[in-house]
Amino acid sequence: MDEDMNASEKIEELVKENRTWEILEILRECETLEEAKEKVKAFLKK
């Protein structure tokens, strides 16, 4: 049971890290703050 929880926690951590990297990539691609806000909002609504 503990191994399952540890695996689940690790997966959750990796998912959060991946989302962070994806958001950073969106921010790098944007030229304005408004564009960045719109794209990040759209990404988070997925």
N, C-alpha and C. Protein backbone atom coordinates (compact mmCIF):
# COMPACT_ATOMS: atom_id res chain seq x y z
N MET A 1 0.83 -1.20 0.00
CA MET A 1 0.00 0.00 0.00
C MET A 1 0.87 1.26 0.00
N ASP A 2 1.90 1.28 0.83
CA ASP A 2 2.77 2.45 0.87
C ASP A 2 3.48 2.68 -0.46
N GLU A 3 3.86 1.58 -1.12
CA GLU A 3 4.51 1.71 -2.42
C GLU A 3 3.57 2.32 -3.44
N ASP A 4 2.29 1.95 -3.39
CA ASP A 4 1.30 2.52 -4.30
C ASP A 4 1.14 4.01 -4.05
N MET A 5 1.10 4.40 -2.80
CA MET A 5 0.96 5.83 -2.48
C MET A 5 2.21 6.58 -2.93
N ASN A 6 3.36 6.01 -2.72
CA ASN A 6 4.59 6.67 -3.14
C ASN A 6 4.62 6.81 -4.66
N ALA A 7 4.18 5.78 -5.37
CA ALA A 7 4.13 5.85 -6.83
C ALA A 7 3.13 6.91 -7.27
N SER A 8 1.99 6.96 -6.63
CA SER A 8 0.97 7.96 -6.97
C SER A 8 1.48 9.37 -6.69
N GLU A 9 2.14 9.53 -5.58
CA GLU A 9 2.69 10.85 -5.24
C GLU A 9 3.76 11.26 -6.23
N LYS A 10 4.58 10.32 -6.64
CA LYS A 10 5.64 10.61 -7.62
C LYS A 10 5.03 10.99 -8.96
N ILE A 11 4.01 10.26 -9.38
CA ILE A 11 3.33 10.58 -10.64
C ILE A 11 2.72 11.98 -10.57
N GLU A 12 2.08 12.29 -9.46
CA GLU A 12 1.48 13.62 -9.29
C GLU A 12 2.55 14.70 -9.37
N GLU A 13 3.67 14.47 -8.74
CA GLU A 13 4.78 15.43 -8.77
C GLU A 13 5.30 15.63 -10.20
N LEU A 14 5.43 14.54 -10.94
CA LEU A 14 5.91 14.62 -12.32
C LEU A 14 4.92 15.36 -13.21
N VAL A 15 3.63 15.15 -12.99
CA VAL A 15 2.60 15.84 -13.77
C VAL A 15 2.67 17.35 -13.51
N LYS A 16 2.81 17.73 -12.26
CA LYS A 16 2.92 19.15 -11.92
C LYS A 16 4.16 19.77 -12.54
N GLU A 17 5.27 19.05 -12.49
CA GLU A 17 6.51 19.55 -13.07
C GLU A 17 6.37 19.72 -14.57
N ASN A 18 5.74 18.75 -15.22
CA ASN A 18 5.52 18.82 -16.66
C ASN A 18 4.67 20.02 -17.04
N ARG A 19 3.61 20.26 -16.27
CA ARG A 19 2.75 21.42 -16.54
C ARG A 19 3.53 22.72 -16.39
N THR A 20 4.39 22.76 -15.40
CA THR A 20 5.22 23.95 -15.19
C THR A 20 6.10 24.21 -16.40
N TRP A 21 6.74 23.16 -16.91
CA TRP A 21 7.59 23.30 -18.09
C TRP A 21 6.79 23.74 -19.30
N GLU A 22 5.58 23.19 -19.44
CA GLU A 22 4.74 23.57 -20.57
C GLU A 22 4.35 25.05 -20.49
N ILE A 23 4.04 25.52 -19.29
CA ILE A 23 3.70 26.94 -19.11
C ILE A 23 4.90 27.82 -19.41
N LEU A 24 6.07 27.42 -18.96
CA LEU A 24 7.27 28.19 -19.26
C LEU A 24 7.52 28.28 -20.76
N GLU A 25 7.27 27.21 -21.47
CA GLU A 25 7.43 27.22 -22.92
C GLU A 25 6.43 28.17 -23.57
N ILE A 26 5.20 28.17 -23.10
CA ILE A 26 4.20 29.11 -23.60
C ILE A 26 4.68 30.54 -23.38
N LEU A 27 5.20 30.83 -22.20
CA LEU A 27 5.67 32.18 -21.89
C LEU A 27 6.83 32.60 -22.79
N ARG A 28 7.72 31.67 -23.09
CA ARG A 28 8.85 31.98 -23.98
C ARG A 28 8.38 32.36 -25.37
N GLU A 29 7.29 31.75 -25.82
CA GLU A 29 6.79 31.98 -27.18
C GLU A 29 6.02 33.29 -27.31
N CYS A 30 5.55 33.84 -26.22
CA CYS A 30 4.70 35.03 -26.28
C CYS A 30 5.52 36.31 -26.35
N GLU A 31 4.95 37.26 -27.08
CA GLU A 31 5.63 38.55 -27.22
C GLU A 31 5.11 39.59 -26.24
N THR A 32 3.88 39.42 -25.77
CA THR A 32 3.32 40.38 -24.82
C THR A 32 2.77 39.67 -23.59
N LEU A 33 2.60 40.42 -22.55
CA LEU A 33 2.03 39.87 -21.31
C LEU A 33 0.59 39.43 -21.54
N GLU A 34 -0.16 40.21 -22.29
CA GLU A 34 -1.56 39.85 -22.56
C GLU A 34 -1.65 38.53 -23.33
N GLU A 35 -0.81 38.37 -24.32
CA GLU A 35 -0.79 37.13 -25.09
C GLU A 35 -0.46 35.96 -24.16
N ALA A 36 0.51 36.15 -23.29
CA ALA A 36 0.90 35.10 -22.35
C ALA A 36 -0.25 34.74 -21.42
N LYS A 37 -0.92 35.75 -20.90
CA LYS A 37 -2.06 35.49 -20.00
C LYS A 37 -3.13 34.67 -20.70
N GLU A 38 -3.47 35.05 -21.92
CA GLU A 38 -4.51 34.35 -22.66
C GLU A 38 -4.12 32.90 -22.93
N LYS A 39 -2.88 32.69 -23.35
CA LYS A 39 -2.44 31.33 -23.69
C LYS A 39 -2.35 30.45 -22.45
N VAL A 40 -1.88 31.00 -21.34
CA VAL A 40 -1.79 30.21 -20.11
C VAL A 40 -3.18 29.87 -19.60
N LYS A 41 -4.11 30.83 -19.64
CA LYS A 41 -5.49 30.56 -19.23
C LYS A 41 -6.08 29.44 -20.07
N ALA A 42 -5.88 29.50 -21.38
CA ALA A 42 -6.41 28.46 -22.28
C ALA A 42 -5.78 27.11 -21.95
N PHE A 43 -4.50 27.11 -21.69
CA PHE A 43 -3.80 25.87 -21.35
C PHE A 43 -4.36 25.26 -20.07
N LEU A 44 -4.59 26.09 -19.07
CA LEU A 44 -5.07 25.59 -17.78
C LEU A 44 -6.52 25.11 -17.84
N LYS A 45 -7.29 25.59 -18.82
CA LYS A 45 -8.68 25.15 -18.95
C LYS A 45 -8.80 23.78 -19.61
N LYS A 46 -7.73 23.29 -20.24
CA LYS A 46 -7.77 21.98 -20.90
C LYS A 46 -8.08 20.88 -19.94
